Amino acid sequence: MVPMLSERLREARTLAGVKSRELDRLAGLSECHTQHIETGRRPNPETATIAPLARVLGVSLDWLIAGNGPAPEEAAVKAAVEQARQAAKATPAVAPREYPAVQEWPRTPAGRSR
């Protein structure tokens, strides 16, 4: 039996020793994407979702999606994740945008005009 995408993703993530939430963060995905794929809640994720996961894990997209090619080696996967961690540290965090204070309008009783 050929392992499914969810099983291959879990295998690579486990080899790397990374939690699903950290993998999501490193891949630039919102929280729980990896968990939903691994548990089958997202059985057919788009390639745009899978590609960043493959990049962070250092595995080929073809292997992750279809199982084609050799399975990843632990050392290579760990090195790829560490490289992604270092890149994330080097990238400055985006500062939240500051909005000017909102001026409140004088309130009038309902039904009255000013």
Protein backbone atom coordinates (compact mmCIF):
# COMPACT_ATOMS: atom_id res chain seq x y z
CA MET A 1 0.00 0.00 0.00
CA VAL A 2 1.31 3.44 -0.96
CA PRO A 3 1.28 5.87 1.98
CA MET A 4 -0.99 8.86 1.66
CA LEU A 5 0.08 12.49 1.65
CA SER A 6 -0.93 12.81 5.30
CA GLU A 7 1.33 9.90 6.27
CA ARG A 8 4.29 11.22 4.26
CA LEU A 9 3.90 14.68 5.79
CA ARG A 10 3.80 13.20 9.31
CA GLU A 11 6.82 11.02 8.53
CA ALA A 12 8.93 13.96 7.33
CA ARG A 13 7.79 16.20 10.19
CA THR A 14 8.58 13.50 12.75
CA LEU A 15 12.02 12.92 11.21
CA ALA A 16 12.69 16.64 11.52
CA GLY A 17 11.55 16.69 15.14
CA VAL A 18 9.32 19.70 14.56
CA LYS A 19 5.80 20.30 15.89
CA SER A 20 3.02 20.96 13.42
CA ARG A 21 2.46 24.54 14.61
CA GLU A 22 6.12 25.43 14.16
CA LEU A 23 6.10 23.86 10.71
CA ASP A 24 3.06 25.97 9.79
CA ARG A 25 4.82 29.10 11.03
CA LEU A 26 8.04 28.34 9.16
CA ALA A 27 6.09 27.62 5.98
CA GLY A 28 4.11 30.85 6.29
CA LEU A 29 0.80 29.06 6.71
CA SER A 30 -1.90 29.79 9.21
CA GLU A 31 -1.97 27.67 12.33
CA CYS A 32 -3.34 24.10 12.09
CA HIS A 33 -2.78 23.53 8.34
CA THR A 34 -0.35 20.68 8.98
CA GLN A 35 -2.52 19.16 11.69
CA HIS A 36 -5.59 19.25 9.44
CA ILE A 37 -3.71 17.59 6.57
CA GLU A 38 -2.24 14.89 8.82
CA THR A 39 -5.60 14.07 10.44
CA GLY A 40 -7.51 14.05 7.16
CA ARG A 41 -9.57 17.16 7.86
CA ARG A 42 -8.00 18.59 4.68
CA PRO A 43 -7.70 15.50 2.49
CA ASN A 44 -6.91 17.34 -0.77
CA PRO A 45 -4.87 20.46 0.00
CA GLU A 46 -3.80 22.70 -2.84
CA THR A 47 -0.26 22.60 -4.19
CA ALA A 48 0.19 26.18 -2.96
CA THR A 49 -0.25 24.81 0.57
CA ILE A 50 1.94 21.74 0.14
CA ALA A 51 4.86 23.46 -1.62
CA PRO A 52 5.96 25.60 1.36
CA LEU A 53 5.77 22.55 3.64
CA ALA A 54 7.98 20.57 1.24
CA ARG A 55 10.44 23.49 1.04
CA VAL A 56 10.77 23.80 4.83
CA LEU A 57 11.13 20.03 5.26
CA GLY A 58 13.64 19.78 2.42
CA VAL A 59 11.69 17.09 0.59
CA SER A 60 10.62 17.04 -3.04
CA LEU A 61 7.10 18.14 -3.81
CA ASP A 62 6.73 15.04 -5.97
CA TRP A 63 7.57 12.78 -3.02
CA LEU A 64 5.29 14.62 -0.62
CA ILE A 65 2.28 14.64 -2.97
CA ALA A 66 2.63 11.32 -4.79
CA GLY A 67 5.32 9.34 -2.99
CA ASN A 68 7.59 9.30 -6.05
CA GLY A 69 11.32 9.08 -5.41
CA PRO A 70 13.31 8.13 -2.35
CA ALA A 71 12.05 8.86 1.14
CA PRO A 72 13.87 11.69 2.90
CA GLU A 73 16.78 11.05 5.21
CA GLU A 74 16.61 12.27 8.80
CA ALA A 75 19.79 14.35 8.63
CA ALA A 76 18.67 16.15 5.47
CA VAL A 77 15.23 16.94 6.85
CA LYS A 78 16.64 18.22 10.15
CA ALA A 79 19.15 20.39 8.29
CA ALA A 80 16.42 21.88 6.08
CA VAL A 81 14.24 22.75 9.06
CA GLU A 82 17.18 24.30 10.89
CA GLN A 83 17.95 26.39 7.82
CA ALA A 84 14.30 27.55 7.75
CA ARG A 85 14.53 28.44 11.45
CA GLN A 86 17.65 30.52 10.86
CA ALA A 87 16.03 32.27 7.90
CA ALA A 88 12.99 33.07 10.04
CA LYS A 89 15.23 34.59 12.72
CA ALA A 90 17.07 36.70 10.15
CA THR A 91 13.87 38.07 8.67
CA PRO A 92 12.70 41.09 10.64
CA ALA A 93 9.21 40.83 11.98
CA VAL A 94 6.69 43.11 10.36
CA ALA A 95 5.68 45.79 12.79
CA PRO A 96 1.97 46.19 13.22
CA ARG A 97 0.57 49.07 11.27
CA GLU A 98 -0.23 52.07 13.36
CA TYR A 99 -3.54 53.71 12.68
CA PRO A 100 -4.33 57.28 13.65
CA ALA A 101 -6.67 57.70 16.57
CA VAL A 102 -10.30 57.59 15.56
CA GLN A 103 -12.17 60.74 16.39
CA GLU A 104 -15.53 60.05 17.94
CA TRP A 105 -18.45 61.98 16.60
CA PRO A 106 -20.77 63.66 19.06
CA ARG A 107 -23.64 61.34 19.77
CA THR A 108 -27.19 62.47 19.26
CA PRO A 109 -30.33 60.83 20.53
CA ALA A 110 -31.84 58.36 18.06
CA GLY A 111 -34.16 59.92 15.52
CA ARG A 112 -32.91 63.47 16.00
CA SER A 113 -30.89 65.42 13.55
CA ARG A 114 -28.01 67.61 14.58
